C-alpha atoms as a PDB file:
ATOM      1  CA  MET A   1      92.993  62.588  85.896  1.00  0.00           C
ATOM      2  CA  SER A   2      90.478  64.279  88.237  1.00  0.00           C
ATOM      3  CA  ASN A   3      93.448  65.869  89.959  1.00  0.00           C
ATOM      4  CA  LEU A   4      94.807  67.071  86.965  1.00  0.00           C
ATOM      5  CA  GLU A   5      91.798  68.988  85.988  1.00  0.00           C
ATOM      6  CA  ASP A   6      91.126  70.174  89.291  1.00  0.00           C
ATOM      7  CA  LEU A   7      95.054  71.544  89.337  1.00  0.00           C
ATOM      8  CA  ALA A   8      94.405  73.063  85.558  1.00  0.00           C
ATOM      9  CA  ASP A   9      91.389  74.605  86.704  1.00  0.00           C
ATOM     10  CA  ARG A  10      93.075  76.145  89.852  1.00  0.00           C
ATOM     11  CA  VAL A  11      96.027  77.515  87.304  1.00  0.00           C
ATOM     12  CA  ASP A  12      93.405  79.349  85.289  1.00  0.00           C
ATOM     13  CA  ARG A  13      91.920  80.672  88.021  1.00  0.00           C
ATOM     14  CA  LEU A  14      95.074  81.891  89.228  1.00  0.00           C
ATOM     15  CA  LEU A  15      95.761  83.304  86.084  1.00  0.00           C
ATOM     16  CA  LEU A  16      92.461  85.272  85.648  1.00  0.00           C
ATOM     17  CA  ARG A  17      93.008  86.656  89.079  1.00  0.00           C
ATOM     18  CA  HIS A  18      96.786  87.907  88.145  1.00  0.00           C
ATOM     19  CA  ASP A  19      95.398  89.708  85.075  1.00  0.00           C
ATOM     20  CA  GLU A  20      92.726  91.595  87.157  1.00  0.00           C
ATOM     21  CA  LEU A  21      95.248  92.359  89.994  1.00  0.00           C
ATOM     22  CA  LYS A  22      97.589  93.714  86.948  1.00  0.00           C
ATOM     23  CA  ARG A  23      94.473  95.808  85.814  1.00  0.00           C
ATOM     24  CA  THR A  24      93.796  97.051  89.001  1.00  0.00           C
ATOM     25  CA  ASN A  25      97.932  97.841  89.838  1.00  0.00           C
ATOM     26  CA  THR A  26      97.418  99.795  86.623  1.00  0.00           C
ATOM     27  CA  LEU A  27      94.571 101.774  87.686  1.00  0.00           C
ATOM     28  CA  LEU A  28      95.749 102.512  91.093  1.00  0.00           C
ATOM     29  CA  GLU A  29      98.889 103.896  89.425  1.00  0.00           C
ATOM     30  CA  GLN A  30      97.388 105.890  87.502  1.00  0.00           C
ATOM     31  CA  GLN A  31      95.080 107.303  90.045  1.00  0.00           C
ATOM     32  CA  LEU A  32      98.183 107.928  92.467  1.00  0.00           C
ATOM     33  CA  ALA A  33      99.853 109.845  89.570  1.00  0.00           C
ATOM     34  CA  THR A  34      96.904 112.094  89.137  1.00  0.00           C
ATOM     35  CA  VAL A  35      96.650 112.742  93.013  1.00  0.00           C
ATOM     36  CA  LEU A  36     100.372 113.181  93.093  1.00  0.00           C
ATOM     37  CA  ALA A  37     100.051 115.799  90.265  1.00  0.00           C
ATOM     38  CA  GLU A  38      97.202 117.731  91.794  1.00  0.00           C
ATOM     39  CA  ARG A  39      98.931 117.735  95.307  1.00  0.00           C
ATOM     40  CA  ASP A  40     102.066 119.459  93.510  1.00  0.00           C
ATOM     41  CA  ASN A  41      99.438 122.086  91.852  1.00  0.00           C
ATOM     42  CA  LEU A  42      98.100 122.671  95.321  1.00  0.00           C
ATOM     43  CA  ARG A  43     101.318 123.177  96.710  1.00  0.00           C
ATOM     44  CA  SER A  44     102.510 125.664  94.348  1.00  0.00           C
ATOM     45  CA  ARG A  45      99.595 127.349  94.923  1.00  0.00           C
ATOM     46  CA  LEU A  46      99.652 127.606  98.454  1.00  0.00           C
ATOM     47  CA  ALA A  47     103.604 129.037  97.384  1.00  0.00           C
ATOM     48  CA  ALA A  48     102.148 131.480  95.725  1.00  0.00           C
ATOM     49  CA  ALA A  49      99.866 132.510  97.833  1.00  0.00           C
ATOM     50  CA  ARG A  50     101.956 132.685 100.958  1.00  0.00           C
ATOM     51  CA  HIS A  51     104.070 135.019  99.090  1.00  0.00           C
ATOM     52  CA  ARG A  52     101.296 137.174  97.936  1.00  0.00           C
ATOM     53  CA  ILE A  53     100.341 137.357 101.885  1.00  0.00           C
ATOM     54  CA  ASP A  54     103.692 138.278 102.591  1.00  0.00           C
ATOM     55  CA  ALA A  55     104.006 141.187 100.281  1.00  0.00           C
ATOM     56  CA  LEU A  56     100.897 142.435 101.623  1.00  0.00           C
ATOM     57  CA  ILE A  57     102.096 142.143 105.243  1.00  0.00           C
ATOM     58  CA  GLU A  58     105.446 144.231 103.929  1.00  0.00           C
ATOM     59  CA  ARG A  59     103.331 147.070 102.932  1.00  0.00           C
ATOM     60  CA  LEU A  60     101.501 147.355 106.083  1.00  0.00           C
ATOM     61  CA  PRO A  61     102.794 150.136 108.815  1.00  0.00           C
ATOM     62  CA  ALA A  62     104.795 148.887 111.377  1.00  0.00           C
ATOM     63  CA  ASN A  63     102.945 150.693 114.120  1.00  0.00           C
ATOM     64  CA  GLU A  64      99.668 152.902 115.165  1.00  0.00           C
ATOM     65  CA  ASN A  65     102.221 155.949 114.808  1.00  0.00           C
ATOM     66  CA  ASP A  66     103.344 154.744 110.981  1.00  0.00           C
ATOM     67  CA  ALA A  67      99.512 154.043 110.036  1.00  0.00           C
ATOM     68  CA  ALA A  68      98.306 157.595 111.135  1.00  0.00           C
ATOM     69  CA  GLN A  69     100.765 159.489 109.346  1.00  0.00           C
ATOM     70  CA  ALA A  70     100.061 157.413 106.221  1.00  0.00           C
ATOM     71  CA  SER A  71      96.675 158.111 106.531  1.00  0.00           C
ATOM     72  CA  GLY A  72      97.021 161.592 107.436  1.00  0.00           C
ATOM     73  CA  SER A  73      99.439 162.197 103.882  1.00  0.00           C
ATOM     74  CA  ASP A  74      96.817 160.331 101.670  1.00  0.00           C
ATOM     75  CA  ALA A  75      94.207 162.813 102.466  1.00  0.00           C
END
């Protein structure tokens, strides 16, 4: 009879551990979803910043003569 009680106790512990692991897994999945969303947001912001920088670089004069002409025409 003791073996049956031991087995029942082990099964109970196993079921409790299984429930704990399911809860942990759910929490980890939520954290992963949050981190992935944050990563996607940061990638989008980085791409937008790169586009703005590229646009600014395009507006820069190509060489020093162009820069001198641009500053002379502004005055």
